[in-house]
Amino acid sequence: MESNGFLIQLDEIPGGEAVFEWKAGKDFFESFENEEVIDAQLNIKTILRKAGGYVTVDCKVVGELTLTCDRCAEDLVMPIDVAIALNVKFGLEEEVDDDVRETIFIPAGESALD
């Protein structure tokens, strides 16, 4: 499914499952003024499940980051293999008791997940 950068317009996604795939490189980290990442080759696959007002997001990030080693100051290539599980809720932030998934809140009237 298409998206604008890493921005997903939740109101444009019908119910069910949608899959997004992105690549992130050094330019992604530079956009956040991150100077620690020398290079990056990351593949991101996101599966979004939407049922009514309930949204879950499962991301898998795989690739490599090149950083400067704190000990020897040489380039250090770090393999990345991370899974991220989120719940998305609309409205005011509230306390959530979920040890498995992080919950993020989107203010009422907004529909973009970045």
Protein backbone atom coordinates (compact mmCIF):
# COMPACT_ATOMS: atom_id res chain seq x y z
CA MET A 1 0.00 0.00 0.00
CA GLU A 2 1.25 3.52 -0.75
CA SER A 3 2.03 6.08 1.90
CA ASN A 4 3.65 9.51 1.96
CA GLY A 5 7.08 8.87 3.47
CA PHE A 6 6.48 7.20 6.80
CA LEU A 7 3.10 8.92 7.22
CA ILE A 8 0.01 6.69 7.15
CA GLN A 9 -3.41 8.31 6.79
CA LEU A 10 -5.51 5.99 8.93
CA ASP A 11 -8.82 7.40 7.70
CA GLU A 12 -7.93 6.36 4.13
CA ILE A 13 -7.38 2.72 5.06
CA PRO A 14 -10.40 0.43 4.92
CA GLY A 15 -10.95 -2.11 7.67
CA GLY A 16 -8.79 -5.19 7.65
CA GLU A 17 -5.07 -5.49 7.05
CA ALA A 18 -2.72 -3.19 5.13
CA VAL A 19 0.98 -3.78 4.52
CA PHE A 20 3.56 -1.01 4.08
CA GLU A 21 7.23 -1.41 3.20
CA TRP A 22 9.92 1.26 3.39
CA LYS A 23 13.67 1.64 3.22
CA ALA A 24 15.51 4.00 5.55
CA GLY A 25 19.04 5.18 4.94
CA LYS A 26 21.41 7.78 6.27
CA ASP A 27 19.13 10.56 5.02
CA PHE A 28 16.38 9.38 7.38
CA PHE A 29 18.63 9.92 10.40
CA GLU A 30 19.96 13.20 9.02
CA SER A 31 16.38 14.51 8.86
CA PHE A 32 16.36 14.22 12.68
CA GLU A 33 19.76 15.93 12.89
CA ASN A 34 21.28 12.66 14.11
CA GLU A 35 25.03 12.84 13.58
CA GLU A 36 25.87 9.51 15.23
CA VAL A 37 24.67 7.36 12.32
CA ILE A 38 27.34 7.28 9.61
CA ASP A 39 25.35 5.04 7.29
CA ALA A 40 22.17 2.97 7.36
CA GLN A 41 20.45 0.34 5.28
CA LEU A 42 17.18 -0.56 6.96
CA ASN A 43 14.16 -2.40 5.58
CA ILE A 44 10.90 -1.74 7.39
CA LYS A 45 7.78 -3.86 6.96
CA THR A 46 4.65 -2.69 8.72
CA ILE A 47 1.41 -4.61 9.05
CA LEU A 48 -1.50 -2.44 10.14
CA ARG A 49 -4.76 -4.03 11.25
CA LYS A 50 -7.83 -1.84 11.53
CA ALA A 51 -11.24 -2.80 12.87
CA GLY A 52 -13.55 0.11 13.62
CA GLY A 53 -11.67 2.48 15.90
CA TYR A 54 -9.17 -0.19 16.95
CA VAL A 55 -5.78 -0.18 15.21
CA THR A 56 -2.73 -2.38 15.80
CA VAL A 57 0.64 -1.88 14.14
CA ASP A 58 3.36 -4.52 13.88
CA CYS A 59 6.72 -3.41 12.45
CA LYS A 60 9.79 -5.41 11.62
CA VAL A 61 13.03 -3.46 11.08
CA VAL A 62 15.99 -5.37 9.63
CA GLY A 63 19.30 -4.11 8.32
CA GLU A 64 22.51 -2.41 9.42
CA LEU A 65 23.59 0.84 11.02
CA THR A 66 27.14 2.13 10.81
CA LEU A 67 28.22 4.06 13.90
CA THR A 68 31.52 5.20 15.40
CA CYS A 69 32.81 2.81 18.06
CA ASP A 70 33.06 4.52 21.47
CA ARG A 71 36.24 2.58 22.31
CA CYS A 72 38.37 2.62 19.16
CA ALA A 73 36.71 5.39 17.09
CA GLU A 74 36.54 3.04 14.08
CA ASP A 75 33.37 2.44 12.06
CA LEU A 76 31.18 -0.16 13.73
CA VAL A 77 28.50 -1.95 11.72
CA MET A 78 25.58 -2.93 13.95
CA PRO A 79 23.08 -5.51 12.71
CA ILE A 80 19.48 -4.49 13.40
CA ASP A 81 16.59 -6.94 13.81
CA VAL A 82 13.80 -5.34 15.82
CA ALA A 83 10.07 -6.02 16.17
CA ILE A 84 7.79 -3.20 17.30
CA ALA A 85 4.19 -3.78 18.42
CA LEU A 86 1.84 -0.82 18.91
CA ASN A 87 -1.77 -0.16 19.73
CA VAL A 88 -3.21 3.08 18.36
CA LYS A 89 -6.00 4.82 20.25
CA PHE A 90 -7.84 7.98 19.34
CA GLY A 91 -8.59 10.71 21.87
CA LEU A 92 -6.98 11.88 25.08
CA GLU A 93 -4.03 10.02 26.50
CA GLU A 94 -4.90 7.68 29.34
CA GLU A 95 -3.11 5.10 31.41
CA VAL A 96 -2.97 1.73 29.70
CA ASP A 97 -2.18 -1.61 31.29
CA ASP A 98 -0.55 -3.62 28.50
CA ASP A 99 2.83 -5.27 28.98
CA VAL A 100 3.09 -6.51 25.39
CA ARG A 101 2.26 -3.54 23.16
CA GLU A 102 3.12 0.13 23.51
CA THR A 103 0.04 2.33 23.13
CA ILE A 104 0.20 5.62 21.28
CA PHE A 105 -2.58 8.18 21.24
CA ILE A 106 -3.73 10.28 18.31
CA PRO A 107 -5.79 13.37 19.22
CA ALA A 108 -9.46 13.25 18.22
CA GLY A 109 -9.97 14.72 14.77
CA GLU A 110 -6.53 13.70 13.52
CA SER A 111 -5.87 10.58 11.50
CA ALA A 112 -2.18 10.56 10.54
CA LEU A 113 0.20 8.04 12.04
CA ASP A 114 3.86 8.97 11.57
